[in-house]
Amino acid sequence: MSDIGRILDFEENLLKELLSLLELQHKAIIKNDIETMETIVDKLIEKGKEIEKAENERKILLGGIGMKEAASNNSELDEKIRSIKKTVSGINVQKKTNVLLLRQGTNFNEKVINILSPKRNNIVYGNDGKLTK
């Protein structure tokens, strides 16, 4: 079980690094720092690949046994799993916040563009001399 504990520690460290990248992304979104956001996205992709490799290694070590089953007899593993779940919860909250901020920024930009370049319809006069659309 020490190999599983080692992998869980490694996964938790990767998840914490992912969370810190998401926090940096949050700051970049607020500052409208596009260059920083682009570099962070590349780092997020790489971190996701590393987490996937660790997950696959853990699944191979467990050999089809679920995490709950593996942790049921080991309180140390159970504590590590709870810690990982807490970190994943923080990641989800930060990710949702970042997505919300990006959507708000996109909606604002669309409104500004619509104000600055309104749709130009041809003006047509009807039989009574009034404008028709």
Protein backbone atom coordinates (compact mmCIF):
# COMPACT_ATOMS: atom_id res chain seq x y z
CA MET A 1 0.00 0.00 0.00
CA SER A 2 2.96 2.35 0.31
CA ASP A 3 3.10 2.66 -3.50
CA ILE A 4 -0.52 3.76 -3.53
CA GLY A 5 0.18 6.26 -0.76
CA ARG A 6 3.12 7.62 -2.72
CA ILE A 7 1.02 8.03 -5.85
CA LEU A 8 -1.78 9.69 -3.89
CA ASP A 9 0.72 12.16 -2.44
CA PHE A 10 2.05 12.84 -5.92
CA GLU A 11 -1.49 13.32 -7.29
CA GLU A 12 -2.37 15.67 -4.45
CA ASN A 13 0.72 17.78 -5.16
CA LEU A 14 -0.22 17.93 -8.85
CA LEU A 15 -3.77 18.96 -7.94
CA LYS A 16 -2.47 21.69 -5.63
CA GLU A 17 -0.27 22.97 -8.45
CA LEU A 18 -3.32 22.95 -10.72
CA LEU A 19 -5.25 24.96 -8.14
CA SER A 20 -2.47 27.53 -7.90
CA LEU A 21 -2.44 27.82 -11.71
CA LEU A 22 -6.19 28.45 -11.66
CA GLU A 23 -5.70 31.14 -9.03
CA LEU A 24 -3.06 32.78 -11.23
CA GLN A 25 -5.47 32.56 -14.14
CA HIS A 26 -8.10 34.30 -12.00
CA LYS A 27 -5.73 37.18 -11.32
CA ALA A 28 -4.85 37.41 -15.02
CA ILE A 29 -8.53 37.49 -15.98
CA ILE A 30 -9.19 40.32 -13.56
CA LYS A 31 -6.21 42.28 -14.91
CA ASN A 32 -7.15 41.46 -18.55
CA ASP A 33 -3.62 40.14 -19.08
CA ILE A 34 -4.06 38.10 -22.24
CA GLU A 35 -0.42 36.99 -22.54
CA THR A 36 -0.39 35.56 -19.04
CA MET A 37 -3.71 33.80 -19.65
CA GLU A 38 -2.31 32.13 -22.77
CA THR A 39 0.77 30.83 -20.96
CA ILE A 40 -1.36 29.61 -18.06
CA VAL A 41 -3.63 27.68 -20.44
CA ASP A 42 -0.59 25.85 -21.82
CA LYS A 43 0.54 25.04 -18.28
CA LEU A 44 -2.96 23.85 -17.36
CA ILE A 45 -2.96 21.45 -20.30
CA GLU A 46 0.43 20.04 -19.30
CA LYS A 47 -0.66 19.68 -15.68
CA GLY A 48 -3.78 17.82 -16.82
CA LYS A 49 -1.65 15.36 -18.75
CA GLU A 50 0.55 14.77 -15.69
CA ILE A 51 -2.51 14.16 -13.52
CA GLU A 52 -3.88 11.72 -16.08
CA LYS A 53 -0.62 9.73 -16.05
CA ALA A 54 -0.67 9.56 -12.25
CA GLU A 55 -4.31 8.43 -12.31
CA ASN A 56 -3.50 5.67 -14.78
CA GLU A 57 -0.57 4.51 -12.64
CA ARG A 58 -2.80 4.43 -9.57
CA LYS A 59 -5.46 2.42 -11.42
CA ILE A 60 -2.85 -0.11 -12.51
CA LEU A 61 -1.54 -0.49 -8.94
CA LEU A 62 -5.03 -0.99 -7.54
CA GLY A 63 -5.81 -3.60 -10.18
CA GLY A 64 -9.53 -2.91 -10.48
CA ILE A 65 -10.14 -2.25 -6.81
CA GLY A 66 -11.94 1.00 -6.10
CA MET A 67 -10.43 3.72 -3.93
CA LYS A 68 -13.12 3.26 -1.27
CA GLU A 69 -12.32 -0.44 -1.01
CA ALA A 70 -8.57 0.23 -0.82
CA ALA A 71 -9.04 2.89 1.86
CA SER A 72 -11.56 0.93 3.94
CA ASN A 73 -8.81 -0.98 5.75
CA ASN A 74 -6.28 1.86 5.89
CA SER A 75 -7.00 5.08 7.76
CA GLU A 76 -3.92 6.78 6.28
CA LEU A 77 -5.19 6.23 2.72
CA ASP A 78 -8.66 7.34 3.77
CA GLU A 79 -7.22 10.62 5.09
CA LYS A 80 -5.27 11.17 1.86
CA ILE A 81 -8.38 10.57 -0.22
CA ARG A 82 -10.34 13.08 1.85
CA SER A 83 -7.57 15.63 1.40
CA ILE A 84 -7.57 15.04 -2.37
CA LYS A 85 -11.36 15.44 -2.51
CA LYS A 86 -11.05 18.74 -0.67
CA THR A 87 -8.44 19.97 -3.16
CA VAL A 88 -10.59 18.84 -6.11
CA SER A 89 -13.53 20.73 -4.63
CA GLY A 90 -11.41 23.90 -4.48
CA ILE A 91 -10.34 23.33 -8.08
CA ASN A 92 -13.96 23.04 -9.21
CA VAL A 93 -14.95 26.25 -7.43
CA GLN A 94 -12.00 28.19 -8.89
CA LYS A 95 -12.64 26.79 -12.37
CA LYS A 96 -16.32 27.77 -12.27
CA THR A 97 -15.39 31.25 -11.07
CA ASN A 98 -12.88 31.69 -13.90
CA VAL A 99 -15.37 30.48 -16.51
CA LEU A 100 -18.00 32.87 -15.17
CA LEU A 101 -15.60 35.82 -15.35
CA LEU A 102 -14.59 34.92 -18.90
CA ARG A 103 -18.23 34.68 -19.99
CA GLN A 104 -19.03 38.03 -18.41
CA GLY A 105 -16.09 39.59 -20.24
CA THR A 106 -17.20 38.05 -23.52
CA ASN A 107 -20.78 39.27 -23.07
CA PHE A 108 -19.53 42.77 -22.27
CA ASN A 109 -17.35 42.79 -25.39
CA GLU A 110 -20.26 41.66 -27.55
CA LYS A 111 -22.46 44.46 -26.19
CA VAL A 112 -19.76 47.07 -26.83
CA ILE A 113 -19.29 45.79 -30.39
CA ASN A 114 -23.04 45.93 -31.00
CA ILE A 115 -23.19 49.50 -29.71
CA LEU A 116 -20.24 50.64 -31.80
CA SER A 117 -21.35 48.94 -35.00
CA PRO A 118 -25.12 48.68 -35.05
CA LYS A 119 -26.81 46.68 -37.75
CA ARG A 120 -27.35 48.85 -40.76
CA ASN A 121 -30.74 48.20 -42.27
CA ASN A 122 -31.92 49.87 -45.41
CA ILE A 123 -34.42 52.61 -44.70
CA VAL A 124 -37.57 52.11 -46.74
CA TYR A 125 -40.55 54.40 -46.93
CA GLY A 126 -43.99 52.86 -47.21
CA ASN A 127 -46.96 54.01 -49.32
CA ASP A 128 -48.05 56.43 -46.60
CA GLY A 129 -44.62 58.08 -46.43
CA LYS A 130 -43.66 56.58 -43.06
CA LEU A 131 -40.56 54.51 -42.37
CA THR A 132 -40.99 50.74 -42.52
CA LYS A 133 -38.59 48.11 -41.32
